[in-house]
Amino acid sequence: IEAFRQTQAKLLFSDAITISSDGTAGSDAYRRALFYREYSRQEA
């Protein structure tokens, strides 16, 4: 809510703690996704 009021962004997303199926720490593979680097229209 704070971030939305400051930016009026249409989409807000964050990082996460990931947990694997056996309960151990998961990976940060999701951070390879495009928006964690840039917001290029053509790449998106």
All heavy atoms as atom14 arrays in JSON, in Angstrom:
{
  "sequence": "IEAFRQTQAKLLFSDAITISSDGTAGSDAYRRALFYREYSRQEA",
  "atom14_mask": [
    [1, 1, 1, 1, 1, 1, 1, 1, 0, 0, 0, 0, 0, 0],
    [1, 1, 1, 1, 1, 1, 1, 1, 1, 0, 0, 0, 0, 0],
    [1, 1, 1, 1, 1, 0, 0, 0, 0, 0, 0, 0, 0, 0],
    [1, 1, 1, 1, 1, 1, 1, 1, 1, 1, 1, 0, 0, 0],
    [1, 1, 1, 1, 1, 1, 1, 1, 1, 1, 1, 0, 0, 0],
    [1, 1, 1, 1, 1, 1, 1, 1, 1, 0, 0, 0, 0, 0],
    [1, 1, 1, 1, 1, 1, 1, 0, 0, 0, 0, 0, 0, 0],
    [1, 1, 1, 1, 1, 1, 1, 1, 1, 0, 0, 0, 0, 0],
    [1, 1, 1, 1, 1, 0, 0, 0, 0, 0, 0, 0, 0, 0],
    [1, 1, 1, 1, 1, 1, 1, 1, 1, 0, 0, 0, 0, 0],
    [1, 1, 1, 1, 1, 1, 1, 1, 0, 0, 0, 0, 0, 0],
    [1, 1, 1, 1, 1, 1, 1, 1, 0, 0, 0, 0, 0, 0],
    [1, 1, 1, 1, 1, 1, 1, 1, 1, 1, 1, 0, 0, 0],
    [1, 1, 1, 1, 1, 1, 0, 0, 0, 0, 0, 0, 0, 0],
    [1, 1, 1, 1, 1, 1, 1, 1, 0, 0, 0, 0, 0, 0],
    [1, 1, 1, 1, 1, 0, 0, 0, 0, 0, 0, 0, 0, 0],
    [1, 1, 1, 1, 1, 1, 1, 1, 0, 0, 0, 0, 0, 0],
    [1, 1, 1, 1, 1, 1, 1, 0, 0, 0, 0, 0, 0, 0],
    [1, 1, 1, 1, 1, 1, 1, 1, 0, 0, 0, 0, 0, 0],
    [1, 1, 1, 1, 1, 1, 0, 0, 0, 0, 0, 0, 0, 0],
    [1, 1, 1, 1, 1, 1, 0, 0, 0, 0, 0, 0, 0, 0],
    [1, 1, 1, 1, 1, 1, 1, 1, 0, 0, 0, 0, 0, 0],
    [1, 1, 1, 1, 0, 0, 0, 0, 0, 0, 0, 0, 0, 0],
    [1, 1, 1, 1, 1, 1, 1, 0, 0, 0, 0, 0, 0, 0],
    [1, 1, 1, 1, 1, 0, 0, 0, 0, 0, 0, 0, 0, 0],
    [1, 1, 1, 1, 0, 0, 0, 0, 0, 0, 0, 0, 0, 0],
    [1, 1, 1, 1, 1, 1, 0, 0, 0, 0, 0, 0, 0, 0],
    [1, 1, 1, 1, 1, 1, 1, 1, 0, 0, 0, 0, 0, 0],
    [1, 1, 1, 1, 1, 0, 0, 0, 0, 0, 0, 0, 0, 0],
    [1, 1, 1, 1, 1, 1, 1, 1, 1, 1, 1, 1, 0, 0],
    [1, 1, 1, 1, 1, 1, 1, 1, 1, 1, 1, 0, 0, 0],
    [1, 1, 1, 1, 1, 1, 1, 1, 1, 1, 1, 0, 0, 0],
    [1, 1, 1, 1, 1, 0, 0, 0, 0, 0, 0, 0, 0, 0],
    [1, 1, 1, 1, 1, 1, 1, 1, 0, 0, 0, 0, 0, 0],
    [1, 1, 1, 1, 1, 1, 1, 1, 1, 1, 1, 0, 0, 0],
    [1, 1, 1, 1, 1, 1, 1, 1, 1, 1, 1, 1, 0, 0],
    [1, 1, 1, 1, 1, 1, 1, 1, 1, 1, 1, 0, 0, 0],
    [1, 1, 1, 1, 1, 1, 1, 1, 1, 0, 0, 0, 0, 0],
    [1, 1, 1, 1, 1, 1, 1, 1, 1, 1, 1, 1, 0, 0],
    [1, 1, 1, 1, 1, 1, 0, 0, 0, 0, 0, 0, 0, 0],
    [1, 1, 1, 1, 1, 1, 1, 1, 1, 1, 1, 0, 0, 0],
    [1, 1, 1, 1, 1, 1, 1, 1, 1, 0, 0, 0, 0, 0],
    [1, 1, 1, 1, 1, 1, 1, 1, 1, 0, 0, 0, 0, 0],
    [1, 1, 1, 1, 1, 0, 0, 0, 0, 0, 0, 0, 0, 0]
  ],
  "atom14_positions": [
    [[0.84, -1.2, 0.0], [0.0, 0.0, 0.0], [0.87, 1.25, 0.0], [0.62, 2.21, -0.74], [-0.95, -0.01, 1.22], [-1.99, -1.14, 1.06], [-1.65, 1.33, 1.37], [-2.8, -1.41, 2.31], [0.0, 0.0, 0.0], [0.0, 0.0, 0.0], [0.0, 0.0, 0.0], [0.0, 0.0, 0.0], [0.0, 0.0, 0.0], [0.0, 0.0, 0.0]],
    [[1.94, 1.25, 0.82], [2.85, 2.4, 0.85], [3.5, 2.62, -0.51], [3.57, 3.76, -1.0], [3.93, 2.17, 1.91], [3.42, 2.25, 3.35], [4.47, 1.85, 4.37], [5.51, 1.26, 3.98], [4.26, 2.13, 5.56], [0.0, 0.0, 0.0], [0.0, 0.0, 0.0], [0.0, 0.0, 0.0], [0.0, 0.0, 0.0], [0.0, 0.0, 0.0]],
    [[3.98, 1.52, -1.12], [4.65, 1.63, -2.42], [3.69, 2.1, -3.5], [4.05, 2.91, -4.36], [5.27, 0.29, -2.8], [0.0, 0.0, 0.0], [0.0, 0.0, 0.0], [0.0, 0.0, 0.0], [0.0, 0.0, 0.0], [0.0, 0.0, 0.0], [0.0, 0.0, 0.0], [0.0, 0.0, 0.0], [0.0, 0.0, 0.0], [0.0, 0.0, 0.0]],
    [[2.46, 1.63, -3.44], [1.48, 2.05, -4.43], [1.17, 3.54, -4.3], [1.08, 4.26, -5.3], [0.2, 1.23, -4.3], [-0.92, 1.7, -5.19], [-0.86, 1.49, -6.56], [-1.99, 2.4, -4.67], [-1.87, 1.95, -7.39], [-3.02, 2.86, -5.49], [-2.95, 2.63, -6.86], [0.0, 0.0, 0.0], [0.0, 0.0, 0.0], [0.0, 0.0, 0.0]],
    [[1.0, 4.0, -3.08], [0.7, 5.42, -2.87], [1.85, 6.31, -3.35], [1.63, 7.42, -3.83], [0.4, 5.67, -1.4], [-0.99, 5.16, -1.0], [-1.22, 5.25, 0.49], [-2.63, 4.9, 0.81], [-3.04, 4.55, 2.01], [-2.18, 4.48, 3.03], [-4.32, 4.26, 2.22], [0.0, 0.0, 0.0], [0.0, 0.0, 0.0], [0.0, 0.0, 0.0]],
    [[3.06, 5.82, -3.24], [4.23, 6.6, -3.66], [4.42, 6.58, -5.18], [4.85, 7.57, -5.77], [5.49, 6.07, -2.98], [5.54, 6.32, -1.49], [6.66, 5.55, -0.81], [7.46, 4.88, -1.45], [6.73, 5.66, 0.51], [0.0, 0.0, 0.0], [0.0, 0.0, 0.0], [0.0, 0.0, 0.0], [0.0, 0.0, 0.0], [0.0, 0.0, 0.0]],
    [[4.09, 5.45, -5.82], [4.44, 5.27, -7.24], [3.24, 5.22, -8.18], [3.4, 5.46, -9.38], [5.22, 3.96, -7.43], [4.35, 2.84, -7.14], [6.44, 3.9, -6.5], [0.0, 0.0, 0.0], [0.0, 0.0, 0.0], [0.0, 0.0, 0.0], [0.0, 0.0, 0.0], [0.0, 0.0, 0.0], [0.0, 0.0, 0.0], [0.0, 0.0, 0.0]],
    [[2.06, 4.86, -7.66], [0.88, 4.64, -8.5], [1.12, 3.56, -9.56], [0.49, 3.56, -10.62], [0.41, 5.94, -9.16], [-0.09, 6.98, -8.16], [-1.32, 6.51, -7.38], [-2.36, 6.22, -7.96], [-1.19, 6.44, -6.06], [0.0, 0.0, 0.0], [0.0, 0.0, 0.0], [0.0, 0.0, 0.0], [0.0, 0.0, 0.0], [0.0, 0.0, 0.0]],
    [[2.03, 2.66, -9.28], [2.35, 1.58, -10.22], [1.14, 0.67, -10.41], [0.37, 0.43, -9.48], [3.54, 0.77, -9.72], [0.0, 0.0, 0.0], [0.0, 0.0, 0.0], [0.0, 0.0, 0.0], [0.0, 0.0, 0.0], [0.0, 0.0, 0.0], [0.0, 0.0, 0.0], [0.0, 0.0, 0.0], [0.0, 0.0, 0.0], [0.0, 0.0, 0.0]],
    [[0.98, 0.13, -11.6], [-0.12, -0.79, -11.9], [0.2, -2.22, -11.47], [-0.71, -3.02, -11.23], [-0.43, -0.78, -13.4], [-0.82, 0.58, -13.96], [-2.08, 1.12, -13.31], [-2.5, 2.44, -13.96], [-3.64, 3.05, -13.28], [0.0, 0.0, 0.0], [0.0, 0.0, 0.0], [0.0, 0.0, 0.0], [0.0, 0.0, 0.0], [0.0, 0.0, 0.0]],
    [[1.49, -2.53, -11.39], [1.93, -3.87, -10.97], [3.07, -3.7, -9.98], [4.05, -3.01, -10.26], [2.4, -4.69, -12.18], [3.08, -6.03, -11.86], [2.07, -7.03, -11.32], [3.76, -6.6, -13.1], [0.0, 0.0, 0.0], [0.0, 0.0, 0.0], [0.0, 0.0, 0.0], [0.0, 0.0, 0.0], [0.0, 0.0, 0.0], [0.0, 0.0, 0.0]],
    [[2.93, -4.34, -8.82], [3.99, -4.32, -7.82], [4.35, -5.76, -7.49], [3.47, -6.62, -7.34], [3.53, -3.59, -6.56], [3.02, -2.15, -6.76], [1.49, -2.15, -6.81], [3.48, -1.23, -5.64], [0.0, 0.0, 0.0], [0.0, 0.0, 0.0], [0.0, 0.0, 0.0], [0.0, 0.0, 0.0], [0.0, 0.0, 0.0], [0.0, 0.0, 0.0]],
    [[5.64, -6.04, -7.38], [6.07, -7.39, -7.04], [7.31, -7.3, -6.16], [7.92, -6.22, -6.04], [6.36, -8.21, -8.31], [7.54, -7.73, -9.1], [8.76, -8.36, -9.0], [7.43, -6.64, -9.96], [9.86, -7.91, -9.73], [8.51, -6.18, -10.69], [9.73, -6.83, -10.58], [0.0, 0.0, 0.0], [0.0, 0.0, 0.0], [0.0, 0.0, 0.0]],
    [[7.69, -8.41, -5.55], [8.78, -8.38, -4.58], [9.64, -9.62, -4.69], [9.44, -10.47, -5.56], [8.21, -8.28, -3.16], [7.58, -9.5, -2.8], [0.0, 0.0, 0.0], [0.0, 0.0, 0.0], [0.0, 0.0, 0.0], [0.0, 0.0, 0.0], [0.0, 0.0, 0.0], [0.0, 0.0, 0.0], [0.0, 0.0, 0.0], [0.0, 0.0, 0.0]],
    [[10.56, -9.73, -3.75], [11.32, -10.96, -3.6], [10.55, -11.93, -2.72], [9.49, -11.59, -2.17], [12.69, -10.65, -2.97], [13.68, -10.12, -3.99], [13.7, -10.65, -5.11], [14.43, -9.18, -3.67], [0.0, 0.0, 0.0], [0.0, 0.0, 0.0], [0.0, 0.0, 0.0], [0.0, 0.0, 0.0], [0.0, 0.0, 0.0], [0.0, 0.0, 0.0]],
    [[11.11, -13.13, -2.56], [10.44, -14.14, -1.75], [11.46, -15.06, -1.09], [12.58, -15.23, -1.58], [9.5, -14.97, -2.63], [0.0, 0.0, 0.0], [0.0, 0.0, 0.0], [0.0, 0.0, 0.0], [0.0, 0.0, 0.0], [0.0, 0.0, 0.0], [0.0, 0.0, 0.0], [0.0, 0.0, 0.0], [0.0, 0.0, 0.0], [0.0, 0.0, 0.0]],
    [[11.05, -15.62, 0.03], [11.77, -16.75, 0.61], [11.22, -17.99, -0.06], [9.99, -18.17, -0.1], [11.54, -16.83, 2.14], [12.05, -15.57, 2.82], [12.18, -18.09, 2.72], [11.61, -15.45, 4.27], [0.0, 0.0, 0.0], [0.0, 0.0, 0.0], [0.0, 0.0, 0.0], [0.0, 0.0, 0.0], [0.0, 0.0, 0.0], [0.0, 0.0, 0.0]],
    [[12.06, -18.82, -0.61], [11.57, -20.03, -1.29], [11.9, -21.27, -0.46], [12.97, -21.36, 0.14], [12.18, -20.16, -2.69], [13.6, -20.23, -2.59], [11.81, -18.96, -3.56], [0.0, 0.0, 0.0], [0.0, 0.0, 0.0], [0.0, 0.0, 0.0], [0.0, 0.0, 0.0], [0.0, 0.0, 0.0], [0.0, 0.0, 0.0], [0.0, 0.0, 0.0]],
    [[10.98, -22.19, -0.46], [11.14, -23.46, 0.26], [10.89, -24.6, -0.7], [9.9, -24.61, -1.44], [10.15, -23.56, 1.45], [10.41, -22.41, 2.45], [10.27, -24.9, 2.14], [9.43, -22.4, 3.6], [0.0, 0.0, 0.0], [0.0, 0.0, 0.0], [0.0, 0.0, 0.0], [0.0, 0.0, 0.0], [0.0, 0.0, 0.0], [0.0, 0.0, 0.0]],
    [[11.78, -25.57, -0.73], [11.63, -26.72, -1.62], [10.61, -27.7, -1.06], [10.14, -27.56, 0.08], [12.98, -27.42, -1.82], [13.45, -27.95, -0.59], [0.0, 0.0, 0.0], [0.0, 0.0, 0.0], [0.0, 0.0, 0.0], [0.0, 0.0, 0.0], [0.0, 0.0, 0.0], [0.0, 0.0, 0.0], [0.0, 0.0, 0.0], [0.0, 0.0, 0.0]],
    [[10.29, -28.7, -1.85], [9.24, -29.66, -1.46], [9.59, -30.46, -0.2], [8.7, -30.93, 0.5], [8.96, -30.62, -2.61], [10.16, -31.29, -2.99], [0.0, 0.0, 0.0], [0.0, 0.0, 0.0], [0.0, 0.0, 0.0], [0.0, 0.0, 0.0], [0.0, 0.0, 0.0], [0.0, 0.0, 0.0], [0.0, 0.0, 0.0], [0.0, 0.0, 0.0]],
    [[10.9, -30.59, 0.12], [11.3, -31.34, 1.32], [11.49, -30.44, 2.53], [11.98, -30.88, 3.58], [12.58, -32.14, 1.05], [13.77, -31.26, 0.71], [13.62, -30.02, 0.74], [14.85, -31.81, 0.39], [0.0, 0.0, 0.0], [0.0, 0.0, 0.0], [0.0, 0.0, 0.0], [0.0, 0.0, 0.0], [0.0, 0.0, 0.0], [0.0, 0.0, 0.0]],
    [[11.11, -29.17, 2.41], [11.18, -28.27, 3.54], [12.48, -27.51, 3.69], [12.6, -26.66, 4.57], [0.0, 0.0, 0.0], [0.0, 0.0, 0.0], [0.0, 0.0, 0.0], [0.0, 0.0, 0.0], [0.0, 0.0, 0.0], [0.0, 0.0, 0.0], [0.0, 0.0, 0.0], [0.0, 0.0, 0.0], [0.0, 0.0, 0.0], [0.0, 0.0, 0.0]],
    [[13.46, -27.81, 2.86], [14.73, -27.12, 2.93], [14.66, -25.82, 2.13], [13.69, -25.57, 1.41], [15.87, -28.0, 2.38], [15.56, -28.34, 1.0], [16.0, -29.28, 3.19], [0.0, 0.0, 0.0], [0.0, 0.0, 0.0], [0.0, 0.0, 0.0], [0.0, 0.0, 0.0], [0.0, 0.0, 0.0], [0.0, 0.0, 0.0], [0.0, 0.0, 0.0]],
    [[15.71, -25.01, 2.28], [15.75, -23.73, 1.56], [15.68, -23.97, 0.06], [16.34, -24.87, -0.48], [17.01, -22.96, 1.93], [0.0, 0.0, 0.0], [0.0, 0.0, 0.0], [0.0, 0.0, 0.0], [0.0, 0.0, 0.0], [0.0, 0.0, 0.0], [0.0, 0.0, 0.0], [0.0, 0.0, 0.0], [0.0, 0.0, 0.0], [0.0, 0.0, 0.0]],
    [[14.88, -23.15, -0.62], [14.76, -23.27, -2.06], [15.81, -22.46, -2.79], [16.8, -22.02, -2.18], [0.0, 0.0, 0.0], [0.0, 0.0, 0.0], [0.0, 0.0, 0.0], [0.0, 0.0, 0.0], [0.0, 0.0, 0.0], [0.0, 0.0, 0.0], [0.0, 0.0, 0.0], [0.0, 0.0, 0.0], [0.0, 0.0, 0.0], [0.0, 0.0, 0.0]],
    [[15.6, -22.24, -4.06], [16.56, -21.51, -4.87], [16.07, -20.09, -5.13], [14.93, -19.75, -4.82], [16.76, -22.23, -6.22], [15.6, -22.06, -7.02], [0.0, 0.0, 0.0], [0.0, 0.0, 0.0], [0.0, 0.0, 0.0], [0.0, 0.0, 0.0], [0.0, 0.0, 0.0], [0.0, 0.0, 0.0], [0.0, 0.0, 0.0], [0.0, 0.0, 0.0]],
    [[16.96, -19.27, -5.69], [16.56, -17.93, -6.1], [16.46, -17.87, -7.63], [16.65, -16.81, -8.22], [17.51, -16.88, -5.57], [18.93, -17.04, -6.11], [19.19, -18.06, -6.79], [19.77, -16.15, -5.86], [0.0, 0.0, 0.0], [0.0, 0.0, 0.0], [0.0, 0.0, 0.0], [0.0, 0.0, 0.0], [0.0, 0.0, 0.0], [0.0, 0.0, 0.0]],
    [[16.14, -19.0, -8.24], [16.07, -19.07, -9.71], [15.05, -18.09, -10.27], [15.2, -17.62, -11.4], [15.74, -20.5, -10.15], [0.0, 0.0, 0.0], [0.0, 0.0, 0.0], [0.0, 0.0, 0.0], [0.0, 0.0, 0.0], [0.0, 0.0, 0.0], [0.0, 0.0, 0.0], [0.0, 0.0, 0.0], [0.0, 0.0, 0.0], [0.0, 0.0, 0.0]],
    [[14.03, -17.78, -9.5], [13.0, -16.85, -9.99], [13.59, -15.49, -10.34], [13.05, -14.76, -11.16], [11.89, -16.69, -8.96], [12.27, -15.9, -7.73], [12.16, -14.51, -7.72], [12.75, -16.52, -6.58], [12.52, -13.76, -6.6], [13.1, -15.79, -5.47], [12.99, -14.42, -5.48], [13.36, -13.68, -4.38], [0.0, 0.0, 0.0], [0.0, 0.0, 0.0]],
    [[14.73, -15.15, -9.74], [15.34, -13.84, -9.98], [15.97, -13.73, -11.37], [16.42, -12.64, -11.76], [16.38, -13.51, -8.91], [15.75, -13.23, -7.54], [16.8, -12.71, -6.57], [17.46, -11.54, -7.1], [16.98, -10.3, -7.03], [15.81, -10.08, -6.46], [17.66, -9.29, -7.54], [0.0, 0.0, 0.0], [0.0, 0.0, 0.0], [0.0, 0.0, 0.0]],
    [[15.98, -14.83, -12.11], [16.45, -14.76, -13.5], [15.38, -14.15, -14.41], [15.66, -13.84, -15.57], [16.83, -16.16, -14.01], [18.03, -16.78, -13.3], [18.62, -17.93, -14.11], [17.7, -19.05, -14.19], [17.75, -20.12, -13.41], [18.68, -20.21, -12.46], [16.89, -21.11, -13.55], [0.0, 0.0, 0.0], [0.0, 0.0, 0.0], [0.0, 0.0, 0.0]],
    [[14.16, -14.01, -13.89], [13.08, -13.45, -14.69], [13.4, -12.0, -15.08], [14.14, -11.29, -14.4], [11.77, -13.5, -13.9], [0.0, 0.0, 0.0], [0.0, 0.0, 0.0], [0.0, 0.0, 0.0], [0.0, 0.0, 0.0], [0.0, 0.0, 0.0], [0.0, 0.0, 0.0], [0.0, 0.0, 0.0], [0.0, 0.0, 0.0], [0.0, 0.0, 0.0]],
    [[12.83, -11.58, -16.19], [13.18, -10.32, -16.83], [13.05, -9.1, -15.92], [13.95, -8.25, -15.87], [12.32, -10.12, -18.08], [12.55, -8.82, -18.86], [13.97, -8.8, -19.44], [11.51, -8.66, -19.96], [0.0, 0.0, 0.0], [0.0, 0.0, 0.0], [0.0, 0.0, 0.0], [0.0, 0.0, 0.0], [0.0, 0.0, 0.0], [0.0, 0.0, 0.0]],
    [[11.94, -8.98, -15.19], [11.67, -7.75, -14.46], [12.6, -7.53, -13.27], [12.6, -6.45, -12.68], [10.22, -7.7, -14.0], [9.23, -7.45, -15.11], [7.86, -7.56, -14.89], [9.66, -7.13, -16.4], [6.95, -7.34, -15.91], [8.74, -6.92, -17.43], [7.39, -7.02, -17.18], [0.0, 0.0, 0.0], [0.0, 0.0, 0.0], [0.0, 0.0, 0.0]],
    [[13.37, -8.55, -12.9], [14.36, -8.34, -11.85], [15.61, -7.67, -12.41], [16.53, -7.36, -11.66], [14.7, -9.66, -11.16], [13.53, -10.2, -10.35], [12.64, -11.12, -10.9], [13.29, -9.75, -9.05], [11.55, -11.59, -10.18], [12.21, -10.22, -8.32], [11.34, -11.13, -8.89], [10.26, -11.58, -8.17], [0.0, 0.0, 0.0], [0.0, 0.0, 0.0]],
    [[15.63, -7.45, -13.74], [16.75, -6.77, -14.39], [16.31, -5.5, -15.1], [16.97, -4.48, -14.99], [17.42, -7.7, -15.42], [17.91, -9.02, -14.87], [18.74, -9.76, -15.91], [18.1, -9.85, -17.21], [17.21, -10.78, -17.55], [16.83, -11.69, -16.67], [16.69, -10.81, -18.77], [0.0, 0.0, 0.0], [0.0, 0.0, 0.0], [0.0, 0.0, 0.0]],
    [[15.24, -5.56, -15.86], [14.82, -4.4, -16.66], [13.36, -4.55, -17.07], [12.76, -5.62, -16.93], [15.69, -4.28, -17.91], [15.62, -5.5, -18.83], [16.47, -5.31, -20.08], [16.22, -4.33, -20.79], [17.35, -6.15, -20.32], [0.0, 0.0, 0.0], [0.0, 0.0, 0.0], [0.0, 0.0, 0.0], [0.0, 0.0, 0.0], [0.0, 0.0, 0.0]],
    [[12.81, -3.45, -17.61], [11.41, -3.42, -18.02], [11.29, -3.11, -19.51], [10.49, -2.28, -19.93], [10.64, -2.37, -17.22], [10.72, -2.52, -15.72], [10.73, -1.41, -14.89], [10.77, -3.78, -15.13], [10.79, -1.53, -13.51], [10.84, -3.92, -13.76], [10.86, -2.8, -12.95], [10.93, -2.94, -11.58], [0.0, 0.0, 0.0], [0.0, 0.0, 0.0]],
    [[12.06, -3.78, -20.33], [12.04, -3.56, -21.77], [10.74, -4.1, -22.38], [10.4, -5.27, -22.2], [13.23, -4.25, -22.43], [13.03, -4.41, -23.81], [0.0, 0.0, 0.0], [0.0, 0.0, 0.0], [0.0, 0.0, 0.0], [0.0, 0.0, 0.0], [0.0, 0.0, 0.0], [0.0, 0.0, 0.0], [0.0, 0.0, 0.0], [0.0, 0.0, 0.0]],
    [[10.02, -3.25, -23.11], [8.78, -3.69, -23.76], [9.04, -4.83, -24.74], [8.31, -5.82, -24.78], [8.13, -2.53, -24.52], [7.29, -1.6, -23.69], [6.62, -0.58, -24.59], [5.86, 0.38, -23.79], [5.23, 1.41, -24.32], [5.28, 1.63, -25.63], [4.55, 2.24, -23.55], [0.0, 0.0, 0.0], [0.0, 0.0, 0.0], [0.0, 0.0, 0.0]],
    [[10.06, -4.66, -25.57], [10.29, -5.64, -26.62], [10.72, -6.98, -26.05], [10.28, -8.03, -26.51], [11.34, -5.13, -27.62], [11.37, -5.94, -28.91], [11.83, -5.13, -30.1], [11.88, -3.9, -30.06], [12.15, -5.8, -31.19], [0.0, 0.0, 0.0], [0.0, 0.0, 0.0], [0.0, 0.0, 0.0], [0.0, 0.0, 0.0], [0.0, 0.0, 0.0]],
    [[11.56, -6.96, -25.01], [11.94, -8.22, -24.38], [10.77, -8.84, -23.65], [10.57, -10.06, -23.67], [13.12, -8.0, -23.43], [14.44, -7.76, -24.13], [15.62, -7.96, -23.21], [15.6, -8.94, -22.43], [16.56, -7.14, -23.27], [0.0, 0.0, 0.0], [0.0, 0.0, 0.0], [0.0, 0.0, 0.0], [0.0, 0.0, 0.0], [0.0, 0.0, 0.0]],
    [[9.97, -8.01, -22.99], [8.81, -8.53, -22.27], [7.8, -9.16, -23.22], [7.12, -10.12, -22.87], [8.15, -7.41, -21.47], [0.0, 0.0, 0.0], [0.0, 0.0, 0.0], [0.0, 0.0, 0.0], [0.0, 0.0, 0.0], [0.0, 0.0, 0.0], [0.0, 0.0, 0.0], [0.0, 0.0, 0.0], [0.0, 0.0, 0.0], [0.0, 0.0, 0.0]]
  ]
}
